[in-house]
Amino acid sequence: MKKLWAVLLVLALTGSAAFAKGGAAGKSSGGVTKGMDRKIVLGYSQSGAESEWRTACTNSVKAAAEEYNIELVFTDAQQKQENQLKAIRSFITRKVDIIAFTPVVSSGWEAVLQECKDAKIPVICVDRTIDGPDTLFTAFIGSDFKKEGVMSADWLVAYMEKIGRGSKDPLNVVELQGTVGAAAATDRQIGFMEVLAKYPNYKVIKTQTGNFTRAEGKQVMEAFLKSDGDQIDVLFAHNDDMAIGAIQAIEEYGRKPGEDIIIVSIDAVKGAFEAMMAGTLNASIECNPLLGPPVMETAVKILKGESVPKKVYSVDNTFDQSNAAAAFPTRKY
């Protein structure tokens, strides 16, 4: 009997050690955040749910919080800055450990972020950054939006040369902007226009916001077509959802998207790949929405007192009709 109890005790101790080791290496358990000695609380204010991309970003954040065993206090601002200001102040009142948010617009954050700083709560900007001093946030995780605009224009110029409509032909461009004041919209436009400024035959004849939504993208494109329908050669859309809405408007107007009007957009979501494979969208520049894991990893490092880079940019690629079908099976969003 003594021998039996000794064996059982050894097994119990071995099992406990293995469980503890497994918990530290994999998904955390027992109320402790992975990489921490306690469970942390993260307040996250998402800008909205306006697109396929945004939904993928939200799902990534929620899944990563579960993986890290982080208590996530999540709010959807519904594209309104005032909702985000209220949410962030509620996080401060709740005394969360860290705050992350995707700013609806880039300006107007100084006061509330100073309140976070006074409360000694670190802040991570996700996907979009802010105007003003970068001392108000600890880290930014997302894409280089200006570079995405440059990549869009570079692809367009090369493609038009390839199909024989290059640097000498006059080309009329219309632009579907994202939400006015959003860093993604501002910087994508700057990058795109900087490249086109080198080519005087490109003329942007219309530019208007579609607020990153499919419905408004279609509505604005309908207005563009009504005034300049047969004169439009190119559409540049700040995201895929607006481009997909515009494709519907172009088809209803009686022109062929992808042929009569060349279309380049940004995000590279599955809907864009389907459109490229169907021949109605010419190209989409990637903007990776799977930001949850780096957000949670960065949050843990900050709370442990480790140094983190001020800005972490995703690696974005260019997809078009030549490579969309091959890449589509591996896409996660």
Protein backbone atom coordinates (compact mmCIF):
# COMPACT_ATOMS: atom_id res chain seq x y z
CA MET A 1 0.00 0.00 0.00
CA LYS A 2 2.84 2.41 0.85
CA LYS A 3 4.41 1.64 -2.54
CA LEU A 4 1.09 2.29 -4.30
CA TRP A 5 0.67 5.69 -2.60
CA ALA A 6 4.24 6.59 -3.53
CA VAL A 7 3.57 5.78 -7.18
CA LEU A 8 0.31 7.78 -7.18
CA LEU A 9 2.07 10.78 -5.59
CA VAL A 10 4.81 10.72 -8.23
CA LEU A 11 2.21 10.52 -11.00
CA ALA A 12 0.26 13.40 -9.52
CA LEU A 13 3.32 15.61 -9.21
CA THR A 14 4.47 14.71 -12.74
CA GLY A 15 1.02 15.50 -14.14
CA SER A 16 0.90 18.87 -12.35
CA ALA A 17 4.32 19.83 -13.67
CA ALA A 18 3.37 18.86 -17.21
CA PHE A 19 0.12 20.86 -16.99
CA ALA A 20 1.98 23.93 -15.73
CA LYS A 21 4.60 23.60 -18.45
CA GLY A 22 1.93 23.13 -21.13
CA GLY A 23 0.00 26.17 -19.90
CA ALA A 24 3.08 28.37 -20.13
CA ALA A 25 4.00 27.16 -23.60
CA GLY A 26 0.57 27.12 -25.21
CA LYS A 27 -2.77 28.68 -24.51
CA SER A 28 -2.76 30.11 -21.01
CA SER A 29 -5.08 28.74 -18.36
CA GLY A 30 -5.98 29.08 -14.74
CA GLY A 31 -6.77 32.78 -15.01
CA VAL A 32 -3.29 33.79 -16.17
CA THR A 33 -2.47 35.59 -19.42
CA LYS A 34 0.12 33.87 -21.59
CA GLY A 35 3.51 35.34 -20.78
CA MET A 36 2.27 37.01 -17.56
CA ASP A 37 1.88 36.07 -13.91
CA ARG A 38 -1.72 37.37 -13.87
CA LYS A 39 -4.67 37.86 -16.17
CA ILE A 40 -4.68 41.25 -17.88
CA VAL A 41 -7.60 43.34 -19.13
CA LEU A 42 -7.40 45.05 -22.53
CA GLY A 43 -9.94 47.64 -23.63
CA TYR A 44 -10.34 47.72 -27.42
CA SER A 45 -12.34 50.29 -29.38
CA GLN A 46 -12.89 49.19 -32.97
CA SER A 47 -13.78 51.88 -35.50
CA GLY A 48 -16.76 50.01 -36.92
CA ALA A 49 -17.89 47.07 -39.04
CA GLU A 50 -18.04 48.76 -42.42
CA SER A 51 -16.23 46.19 -44.57
CA GLU A 52 -15.02 42.62 -45.01
CA TRP A 53 -11.59 43.83 -43.96
CA ARG A 54 -12.82 45.35 -40.71
CA THR A 55 -14.73 42.19 -39.80
CA ALA A 56 -11.60 40.11 -40.37
CA CYS A 57 -9.60 42.50 -38.17
CA THR A 58 -12.17 42.28 -35.37
CA ASN A 59 -12.29 38.48 -35.55
CA SER A 60 -8.49 38.36 -35.39
CA VAL A 61 -8.40 40.55 -32.27
CA LYS A 62 -11.05 38.48 -30.49
CA ALA A 63 -9.40 35.16 -31.36
CA ALA A 64 -5.97 36.37 -30.24
CA ALA A 65 -7.35 37.65 -26.94
CA GLU A 66 -8.83 34.22 -26.29
CA GLU A 67 -5.55 32.53 -27.20
CA TYR A 68 -3.61 34.75 -24.80
CA ASN A 69 -6.31 34.44 -22.11
CA ILE A 70 -6.69 38.22 -22.03
CA GLU A 71 -9.94 39.69 -20.78
CA LEU A 72 -11.08 41.75 -23.77
CA VAL A 73 -13.46 44.66 -23.25
CA PHE A 74 -14.57 45.28 -26.83
CA THR A 75 -16.61 48.17 -28.23
CA ASP A 76 -17.73 49.03 -31.77
CA ALA A 77 -17.67 52.79 -32.45
CA GLN A 78 -19.96 52.49 -35.49
CA GLN A 79 -17.79 54.96 -37.41
CA LYS A 80 -18.33 57.74 -34.84
CA GLN A 81 -15.43 59.37 -33.02
CA GLU A 82 -17.65 60.43 -30.12
CA ASN A 83 -18.38 56.75 -29.43
CA GLN A 84 -14.67 56.02 -29.26
CA LEU A 85 -14.00 58.91 -26.91
CA LYS A 86 -16.70 57.59 -24.56
CA ALA A 87 -15.33 54.07 -24.82
CA ILE A 88 -11.76 55.07 -24.03
CA ARG A 89 -12.89 57.11 -21.03
CA SER A 90 -14.92 54.13 -19.83
CA PHE A 91 -11.77 51.99 -20.09
CA ILE A 92 -9.92 54.52 -17.94
CA THR A 93 -12.71 54.47 -15.34
CA ARG A 94 -12.64 50.67 -15.34
CA LYS A 95 -8.85 50.81 -14.82
CA VAL A 96 -8.00 48.37 -17.58
CA ASP A 97 -4.35 47.37 -17.91
CA ILE A 98 -3.92 48.58 -21.48
CA ILE A 99 -5.98 50.21 -24.25
CA ALA A 100 -5.93 49.54 -27.99
CA PHE A 101 -8.04 51.34 -30.56
CA THR A 102 -8.50 51.91 -34.27
CA PRO A 103 -9.16 55.64 -34.65
CA VAL A 104 -12.12 56.52 -36.88
CA VAL A 105 -10.30 59.73 -37.85
CA SER A 106 -6.75 60.82 -37.18
CA SER A 107 -7.34 64.12 -35.34
CA GLY A 108 -8.93 65.08 -32.03
CA TRP A 109 -7.30 62.54 -29.70
CA GLU A 110 -4.88 64.65 -27.66
CA ALA A 111 -7.14 65.23 -24.65
CA VAL A 112 -8.36 61.67 -24.16
CA LEU A 113 -4.93 60.12 -24.76
CA GLN A 114 -3.42 62.53 -22.24
CA GLU A 115 -6.03 61.21 -19.79
CA CYS A 116 -4.76 57.69 -20.52
CA LYS A 117 -1.21 58.85 -19.93
CA ASP A 118 -2.17 60.51 -16.64
CA ALA A 119 -3.85 57.26 -15.57
CA LYS A 120 -0.65 55.37 -16.52
CA ILE A 121 -2.52 53.20 -19.03
CA PRO A 122 -0.47 52.42 -22.19
CA VAL A 123 -2.16 52.82 -25.57
CA ILE A 124 -1.69 50.88 -28.81
CA CYS A 125 -2.96 52.33 -32.11
CA VAL A 126 -4.17 49.52 -34.36
CA ASP A 127 -4.46 49.73 -38.16
CA ARG A 128 -4.63 53.55 -38.16
CA THR A 129 -2.50 56.10 -36.39
CA ILE A 130 -3.23 59.62 -35.13
CA ASP A 131 -2.15 63.18 -35.76
CA GLY A 132 -0.24 64.86 -32.96
CA PRO A 133 2.71 63.83 -30.80
CA ASP A 134 3.53 60.13 -30.87
CA THR A 135 4.32 60.32 -27.17
CA LEU A 136 0.57 59.91 -26.59
CA PHE A 137 0.68 56.25 -27.65
CA THR A 138 3.16 53.49 -26.95
CA ALA A 139 3.01 51.59 -30.24
CA PHE A 140 1.34 51.49 -33.65
CA ILE A 141 0.60 48.19 -35.41
CA GLY A 142 -0.72 48.24 -38.97
CA SER A 143 0.06 48.99 -42.60
CA ASP A 144 1.93 51.79 -44.35
CA PHE A 145 -1.03 53.45 -46.06
CA LYS A 146 0.99 55.88 -48.13
CA LYS A 147 3.02 52.98 -49.49
CA GLU A 148 -0.23 51.22 -50.43
CA GLY A 149 -1.24 54.29 -52.45
CA VAL A 150 2.15 54.30 -54.16
CA MET A 151 1.87 50.57 -54.92
CA SER A 152 -1.60 51.10 -56.41
CA ALA A 153 -0.39 53.84 -58.75
CA ASP A 154 2.80 51.98 -59.68
CA TRP A 155 0.74 48.92 -60.64
CA LEU A 156 -1.67 51.06 -62.66
CA VAL A 157 1.03 52.85 -64.66
CA ALA A 158 2.84 49.58 -65.44
CA TYR A 159 -0.39 47.85 -66.44
CA MET A 160 -1.56 50.64 -68.74
CA GLU A 161 1.85 50.54 -70.46
CA LYS A 162 1.51 46.76 -70.80
CA ILE A 163 -1.86 46.95 -72.54
CA GLY A 164 -0.74 49.76 -74.82
CA ARG A 165 -2.49 52.65 -73.10
CA GLY A 166 0.58 54.14 -71.54
CA SER A 167 2.24 57.44 -70.96
CA LYS A 168 0.94 59.29 -74.03
CA ASP A 169 -2.77 58.50 -73.91
CA PRO A 170 -4.95 60.88 -71.87
CA LEU A 171 -6.45 58.85 -69.03
CA ASN A 172 -9.30 60.03 -66.81
CA VAL A 173 -9.24 58.68 -63.26
CA VAL A 174 -12.01 58.71 -60.63
CA GLU A 175 -11.27 58.07 -56.96
CA LEU A 176 -13.44 56.54 -54.26
CA GLN A 177 -11.97 57.81 -50.99
CA GLY A 178 -12.29 56.20 -47.59
CA THR A 179 -13.74 58.04 -44.60
CA VAL A 180 -12.67 61.69 -44.70
CA GLY A 181 -10.04 62.35 -42.04
CA ALA A 182 -9.12 58.67 -41.61
CA ALA A 183 -5.38 58.05 -41.87
CA ALA A 184 -5.95 55.26 -44.38
CA ALA A 185 -7.87 57.55 -46.72
CA THR A 186 -5.53 60.52 -46.36
CA ASP A 187 -2.28 58.60 -46.80
CA ARG A 188 -3.50 56.32 -49.62
CA GLN A 189 -4.55 59.38 -51.59
CA ILE A 190 -1.21 61.13 -50.95
CA GLY A 191 0.80 58.11 -52.13
CA PHE A 192 -1.35 57.57 -55.22
CA MET A 193 -1.26 61.23 -56.25
CA GLU A 194 2.50 61.51 -55.74
CA VAL A 195 3.06 58.85 -58.37
CA LEU A 196 0.46 60.17 -60.85
CA ALA A 197 2.00 63.65 -60.60
CA LYS A 198 4.91 62.25 -62.63
CA TYR A 199 2.57 61.36 -65.49
CA PRO A 200 0.73 64.41 -66.88
CA ASN A 201 -1.53 62.27 -69.09
CA TYR A 202 -3.31 60.98 -65.96
CA LYS A 203 -6.05 63.32 -64.80
CA VAL A 204 -8.17 62.74 -61.69
CA ILE A 205 -11.55 64.12 -62.76
CA LYS A 206 -13.66 63.09 -59.74
CA THR A 207 -12.89 62.24 -56.14
CA GLN A 208 -15.43 61.61 -53.40
CA THR A 209 -15.75 59.58 -50.21
CA GLY A 210 -17.59 56.29 -50.15
CA ASN A 211 -16.84 55.83 -46.43
CA PHE A 212 -15.21 52.44 -47.05
CA THR A 213 -18.66 50.82 -47.57
CA ARG A 214 -19.97 48.80 -50.51
CA ALA A 215 -23.32 50.60 -50.59
CA GLU A 216 -21.79 54.08 -50.68
CA GLY A 217 -19.15 52.97 -53.17
CA LYS A 218 -21.93 51.95 -55.55
CA GLN A 219 -23.89 55.13 -54.91
CA VAL A 220 -20.94 57.45 -55.56
CA MET A 221 -19.87 55.50 -58.66
CA GLU A 222 -23.39 55.85 -60.02
CA ALA A 223 -23.05 59.62 -59.66
CA PHE A 224 -19.62 59.55 -61.37
CA LEU A 225 -21.08 57.58 -64.27
CA LYS A 226 -24.08 59.85 -64.58
CA SER A 227 -21.85 62.90 -65.11
CA ASP A 228 -18.80 61.39 -66.85
CA GLY A 229 -19.74 57.79 -67.67
CA ASP A 230 -18.11 57.34 -71.08
CA GLN A 231 -15.06 59.45 -70.19
CA ILE A 232 -13.87 57.36 -67.22
CA ASP A 233 -10.83 55.17 -67.92
CA VAL A 234 -9.68 54.23 -64.41
CA LEU A 235 -11.16 53.78 -60.93
CA PHE A 236 -8.97 53.90 -57.84
CA ALA A 237 -10.86 52.74 -54.73
CA HIS A 238 -9.39 53.05 -51.25
CA ASN A 239 -10.79 49.64 -50.33
CA ASP A 240 -12.23 46.52 -51.95
CA ASP A 241 -15.75 46.93 -50.61
CA MET A 242 -16.18 50.28 -52.37
CA ALA A 243 -14.66 48.78 -55.53
CA ILE A 244 -17.12 45.87 -55.46
CA GLY A 245 -20.02 48.30 -55.05
CA ALA A 246 -18.64 50.36 -57.96
CA ILE A 247 -18.37 47.25 -60.13
CA GLN A 248 -22.12 46.71 -59.71
CA ALA A 249 -22.78 50.33 -60.73
CA ILE A 250 -20.54 50.03 -63.81
CA GLU A 251 -22.26 46.84 -64.94
CA GLU A 252 -25.69 48.39 -64.49
CA TYR A 253 -24.54 51.43 -66.49
CA GLY A 254 -23.60 49.17 -69.38
CA ARG A 255 -19.80 49.33 -69.36
CA LYS A 256 -17.46 46.43 -68.61
CA PRO A 257 -15.53 46.72 -65.31
CA GLY A 258 -11.98 45.47 -65.70
CA GLU A 259 -12.00 46.23 -69.44
CA ASP A 260 -13.72 49.52 -70.24
CA ILE A 261 -12.78 50.87 -66.82
CA ILE A 262 -9.57 49.60 -65.21
CA ILE A 263 -10.03 49.16 -61.44
CA VAL A 264 -7.40 49.00 -58.70
CA SER A 265 -8.31 48.86 -55.01
CA ILE A 266 -6.78 48.07 -51.64
CA ASP A 267 -7.21 45.33 -48.98
CA ALA A 268 -7.05 42.03 -50.93
CA VAL A 269 -10.01 40.41 -49.17
CA LYS A 270 -11.65 37.26 -50.57
CA GLY A 271 -14.34 39.27 -52.35
CA ALA A 272 -11.62 41.09 -54.27
CA PHE A 273 -9.99 37.80 -55.29
CA GLU A 274 -13.33 36.54 -56.56
CA ALA A 275 -13.76 39.74 -58.58
CA MET A 276 -10.23 39.47 -60.00
CA MET A 277 -10.82 35.85 -61.00
CA ALA A 278 -14.10 36.93 -62.63
CA GLY A 279 -12.23 39.64 -64.57
CA THR A 280 -14.14 42.59 -63.11
CA LEU A 281 -11.40 43.87 -60.76
CA ASN A 282 -7.91 44.32 -62.15
CA ALA A 283 -5.77 44.56 -59.02
CA SER A 284 -5.90 44.78 -55.23
CA ILE A 285 -3.05 45.86 -52.98
CA GLU A 286 -2.87 43.86 -49.77
CA CYS A 287 -3.59 45.40 -46.37
CA ASN A 288 -3.31 42.62 -43.79
CA PRO A 289 -6.16 42.68 -41.22
CA LEU A 290 -4.84 39.81 -39.06
CA LEU A 291 -3.51 42.17 -36.42
CA GLY A 292 -4.76 40.39 -33.30
CA PRO A 293 -1.64 38.30 -32.50
CA PRO A 294 0.86 41.20 -32.75
CA VAL A 295 -1.49 43.40 -30.70
CA MET A 296 -1.67 40.87 -27.87
CA GLU A 297 2.05 40.09 -28.02
CA THR A 298 2.88 43.79 -27.90
CA ALA A 299 0.45 44.38 -25.03
CA VAL A 300 2.13 41.67 -22.94
CA LYS A 301 5.61 43.04 -23.66
CA ILE A 302 4.57 46.58 -22.73
CA LEU A 303 3.04 45.44 -19.43
CA LYS A 304 6.16 43.43 -18.63
CA GLY A 305 8.25 46.56 -19.10
CA GLU A 306 9.97 45.34 -22.25
CA SER A 307 10.86 47.72 -25.06
CA VAL A 308 8.73 47.53 -28.22
CA PRO A 309 9.12 49.24 -31.62
CA LYS A 310 7.18 52.48 -31.94
CA LYS A 311 5.73 51.40 -35.30
CA VAL A 312 5.32 47.89 -36.68
CA TYR A 313 4.24 47.73 -40.33
CA SER A 314 2.67 44.70 -41.99
CA VAL A 315 4.20 43.32 -45.18
CA ASP A 316 1.74 43.96 -48.03
CA ASN A 317 1.75 42.37 -51.48
CA THR A 318 0.23 43.15 -54.88
CA PHE A 319 -2.36 40.83 -56.42
CA ASP A 320 -3.96 41.09 -59.84
CA GLN A 321 -5.68 38.92 -62.42
CA SER A 322 -2.39 37.18 -63.23
CA ASN A 323 -1.84 35.69 -59.77
CA ALA A 324 -5.21 35.85 -57.97
CA ALA A 325 -6.34 32.28 -58.74
CA ALA A 326 -3.06 30.76 -57.53
CA ALA A 327 -3.11 32.77 -54.28
CA PHE A 328 -6.82 32.46 -53.49
CA PRO A 329 -6.77 28.98 -51.80
CA THR A 330 -4.26 30.21 -49.19
CA ARG A 331 -6.11 33.39 -48.23
CA LYS A 332 -7.33 33.62 -44.62
CA TYR A 333 -9.58 36.65 -45.04
